[in-house]
Amino acid sequence: MQVELQWAGRTLIARLSGDLDEHGAEVFRDAVERAVRRRAYDHLVVNLEHVSFIDSSGLGALLGRYRRAREDGARVTAVGAPPHVRAVLQMAGILQFIPLLAGEADALAAGQEVR
């Protein structure tokens, strides 16, 4: 799992590549935690476009980031999930909590509308 982080104002964009499994979930969780400890944020955008596999550990990591964001007064949006990842998110009920949008531009635009 590779995690690329980028700030856009008070929005943290996390671009994930690879398997969001037990190891990948730990890499994702640690990267985001380090970033949000250093800087205030309103929105976490998780780009899943290049995620090839997701399991229960990955789902748990997404829910954990959602819970943490709620505690911090922020929100989480997922973007770009390929069909096989989208299907897992939907079956697990994640999309009831974390909206799934087409791309980062949609998430950033939605973030501007909320403020």
C-alpha atoms as a PDB file:
ATOM      1  CA  MET A   1       0.000   0.000   0.000  1.00  0.00           C
ATOM      2  CA  GLN A   2       1.208   3.441  -0.907  1.00  0.00           C
ATOM      3  CA  VAL A   3      -0.357   6.564   0.562  1.00  0.00           C
ATOM      4  CA  GLU A   4       0.211   9.967  -0.989  1.00  0.00           C
ATOM      5  CA  LEU A   5      -1.015  12.891   1.108  1.00  0.00           C
ATOM      6  CA  GLN A   6      -1.764  16.367  -0.170  1.00  0.00           C
ATOM      7  CA  TRP A   7      -3.293  19.374   1.560  1.00  0.00           C
ATOM      8  CA  ALA A   8      -5.811  21.606  -0.224  1.00  0.00           C
ATOM      9  CA  GLY A   9      -6.531  24.308   2.331  1.00  0.00           C
ATOM     10  CA  ARG A  10      -8.054  22.509   5.324  1.00  0.00           C
ATOM     11  CA  THR A  11      -8.770  19.381   3.279  1.00  0.00           C
ATOM     12  CA  LEU A  12      -6.425  16.408   3.490  1.00  0.00           C
ATOM     13  CA  ILE A  13      -6.443  14.246   0.369  1.00  0.00           C
ATOM     14  CA  ALA A  14      -5.159  10.688   0.858  1.00  0.00           C
ATOM     15  CA  ARG A  15      -4.476   8.864  -2.421  1.00  0.00           C
ATOM     16  CA  LEU A  16      -4.224   5.122  -1.862  1.00  0.00           C
ATOM     17  CA  SER A  17      -2.594   2.604  -4.205  1.00  0.00           C
ATOM     18  CA  GLY A  18      -2.465  -1.154  -3.734  1.00  0.00           C
ATOM     19  CA  ASP A  19      -4.165  -3.525  -1.334  1.00  0.00           C
ATOM     20  CA  LEU A  20      -6.146  -2.084   1.565  1.00  0.00           C
ATOM     21  CA  ASP A  21      -5.653  -5.204   3.664  1.00  0.00           C
ATOM     22  CA  GLU A  22      -4.207  -5.630   7.159  1.00  0.00           C
ATOM     23  CA  HIS A  23      -0.819  -4.171   6.224  1.00  0.00           C
ATOM     24  CA  GLY A  24      -2.269  -1.504   3.919  1.00  0.00           C
ATOM     25  CA  ALA A  25      -4.776  -0.443   6.569  1.00  0.00           C
ATOM     26  CA  GLU A  26      -1.951   0.145   9.030  1.00  0.00           C
ATOM     27  CA  VAL A  27       0.019   2.204   6.507  1.00  0.00           C
ATOM     28  CA  PHE A  28      -3.090   4.290   5.675  1.00  0.00           C
ATOM     29  CA  ARG A  29      -4.062   4.770   9.329  1.00  0.00           C
ATOM     30  CA  ASP A  30      -0.562   5.806  10.397  1.00  0.00           C
ATOM     31  CA  ALA A  31      -0.073   8.249   7.506  1.00  0.00           C
ATOM     32  CA  VAL A  32      -3.373  10.033   8.099  1.00  0.00           C
ATOM     33  CA  GLU A  33      -2.909  10.123  11.883  1.00  0.00           C
ATOM     34  CA  ARG A  34       0.522  11.738  11.538  1.00  0.00           C
ATOM     35  CA  ALA A  35      -0.847  14.338   9.128  1.00  0.00           C
ATOM     36  CA  VAL A  36      -3.885  15.364  11.186  1.00  0.00           C
ATOM     37  CA  ARG A  37      -1.855  15.569  14.400  1.00  0.00           C
ATOM     38  CA  ARG A  38       0.255  18.284  12.765  1.00  0.00           C
ATOM     39  CA  ARG A  39      -2.445  20.366  11.130  1.00  0.00           C
ATOM     40  CA  ALA A  40      -6.119  21.236  11.633  1.00  0.00           C
ATOM     41  CA  TYR A  41      -8.506  19.908   9.003  1.00  0.00           C
ATOM     42  CA  ASP A  42     -12.189  20.052   8.086  1.00  0.00           C
ATOM     43  CA  HIS A  43     -12.337  17.311   5.481  1.00  0.00           C
ATOM     44  CA  LEU A  44     -10.558  14.054   4.679  1.00  0.00           C
ATOM     45  CA  VAL A  45     -10.869  12.884   1.078  1.00  0.00           C
ATOM     46  CA  VAL A  46      -9.833   9.256   0.538  1.00  0.00           C
ATOM     47  CA  ASN A  47      -9.061   8.538  -3.106  1.00  0.00           C
ATOM     48  CA  LEU A  48      -9.606   4.815  -3.746  1.00  0.00           C
ATOM     49  CA  GLU A  49      -9.069   4.938  -7.513  1.00  0.00           C
ATOM     50  CA  HIS A  50      -5.952   2.753  -7.399  1.00  0.00           C
ATOM     51  CA  VAL A  51      -7.024   0.356  -4.633  1.00  0.00           C
ATOM     52  CA  SER A  52      -6.865  -3.148  -6.064  1.00  0.00           C
ATOM     53  CA  PHE A  53      -8.262  -5.027  -3.042  1.00  0.00           C
ATOM     54  CA  ILE A  54     -10.061  -4.196   0.194  1.00  0.00           C
ATOM     55  CA  ASP A  55     -10.872  -6.504   3.107  1.00  0.00           C
ATOM     56  CA  SER A  56     -12.285  -6.135   6.618  1.00  0.00           C
ATOM     57  CA  SER A  57      -9.058  -4.519   7.853  1.00  0.00           C
ATOM     58  CA  GLY A  58      -9.371  -1.865   5.166  1.00  0.00           C
ATOM     59  CA  LEU A  59     -13.025  -1.312   6.006  1.00  0.00           C
ATOM     60  CA  GLY A  60     -12.067  -0.956   9.656  1.00  0.00           C
ATOM     61  CA  ALA A  61      -9.393   1.602   8.791  1.00  0.00           C
ATOM     62  CA  LEU A  62     -11.913   3.658   6.795  1.00  0.00           C
ATOM     63  CA  LEU A  63     -14.419   3.541   9.654  1.00  0.00           C
ATOM     64  CA  GLY A  64     -11.684   4.430  12.121  1.00  0.00           C
ATOM     65  CA  ARG A  65     -10.721   7.506  10.101  1.00  0.00           C
ATOM     66  CA  TYR A  66     -14.442   8.403   9.897  1.00  0.00           C
ATOM     67  CA  ARG A  67     -14.804   8.161  13.701  1.00  0.00           C
ATOM     68  CA  ARG A  68     -11.634  10.173  14.260  1.00  0.00           C
ATOM     69  CA  ALA A  69     -12.774  12.850  11.816  1.00  0.00           C
ATOM     70  CA  ARG A  70     -16.136  13.114  13.581  1.00  0.00           C
ATOM     71  CA  GLU A  71     -14.318  13.572  16.908  1.00  0.00           C
ATOM     72  CA  ASP A  72     -12.234  16.307  15.257  1.00  0.00           C
ATOM     73  CA  GLY A  73     -15.321  18.015  13.815  1.00  0.00           C
ATOM     74  CA  ALA A  74     -14.381  17.029  10.260  1.00  0.00           C
ATOM     75  CA  ARG A  75     -15.993  14.878   7.609  1.00  0.00           C
ATOM     76  CA  VAL A  76     -14.782  12.097   5.315  1.00  0.00           C
ATOM     77  CA  THR A  77     -15.524  11.568   1.644  1.00  0.00           C
ATOM     78  CA  ALA A  78     -14.363   8.651  -0.507  1.00  0.00           C
ATOM     79  CA  VAL A  79     -13.773   9.120  -4.222  1.00  0.00           C
ATOM     80  CA  GLY A  80     -12.942   7.124  -7.312  1.00  0.00           C
ATOM     81  CA  ALA A  81     -13.651   3.620  -5.999  1.00  0.00           C
ATOM     82  CA  PRO A  82     -13.414   1.004  -8.750  1.00  0.00           C
ATOM     83  CA  PRO A  83     -16.508  -1.212  -9.111  1.00  0.00           C
ATOM     84  CA  HIS A  84     -15.103  -4.112  -7.058  1.00  0.00           C
ATOM     85  CA  VAL A  85     -14.146  -1.767  -4.180  1.00  0.00           C
ATOM     86  CA  ARG A  86     -17.473   0.083  -4.417  1.00  0.00           C
ATOM     87  CA  ALA A  87     -19.313  -3.234  -4.131  1.00  0.00           C
ATOM     88  CA  VAL A  88     -17.460  -4.137  -0.913  1.00  0.00           C
ATOM     89  CA  LEU A  89     -18.088  -0.676   0.572  1.00  0.00           C
ATOM     90  CA  GLN A  90     -21.767  -0.944  -0.264  1.00  0.00           C
ATOM     91  CA  MET A  91     -22.173  -4.488   1.101  1.00  0.00           C
ATOM     92  CA  ALA A  92     -20.433  -3.485   4.336  1.00  0.00           C
ATOM     93  CA  GLY A  93     -22.700  -0.451   4.791  1.00  0.00           C
ATOM     94  CA  ILE A  94     -19.789   2.010   4.737  1.00  0.00           C
ATOM     95  CA  LEU A  95     -21.559   4.223   2.211  1.00  0.00           C
ATOM     96  CA  GLN A  96     -24.234   5.010   4.801  1.00  0.00           C
ATOM     97  CA  PHE A  97     -21.562   6.989   6.667  1.00  0.00           C
ATOM     98  CA  ILE A  98     -18.978   7.970   4.085  1.00  0.00           C
ATOM     99  CA  PRO A  99     -20.277   9.452   0.826  1.00  0.00           C
ATOM    100  CA  LEU A 100     -18.710   8.126  -2.369  1.00  0.00           C
ATOM    101  CA  LEU A 101     -18.182  10.654  -5.159  1.00  0.00           C
ATOM    102  CA  ALA A 102     -16.705  10.309  -8.628  1.00  0.00           C
ATOM    103  CA  GLY A 103     -13.491  12.268  -8.089  1.00  0.00           C
ATOM    104  CA  GLU A 104     -11.459  14.669  -6.010  1.00  0.00           C
ATOM    105  CA  ALA A 105     -12.840  17.748  -7.777  1.00  0.00           C
ATOM    106  CA  ASP A 106     -16.366  16.686  -6.775  1.00  0.00           C
ATOM    107  CA  ALA A 107     -15.299  16.210  -3.159  1.00  0.00           C
ATOM    108  CA  LEU A 108     -13.493  19.552  -3.021  1.00  0.00           C
ATOM    109  CA  ALA A 109     -16.479  21.330  -4.580  1.00  0.00           C
ATOM    110  CA  ALA A 110     -18.848  19.659  -2.127  1.00  0.00           C
ATOM    111  CA  GLY A 111     -16.574  20.762   0.711  1.00  0.00           C
ATOM    112  CA  GLN A 112     -16.793  24.387  -0.425  1.00  0.00           C
ATOM    113  CA  GLU A 113     -20.605  24.218  -0.503  1.00  0.00           C
ATOM    114  CA  VAL A 114     -20.766  22.953   3.097  1.00  0.00           C
ATOM    115  CA  ARG A 115     -18.749  25.839   4.553  1.00  0.00           C
END
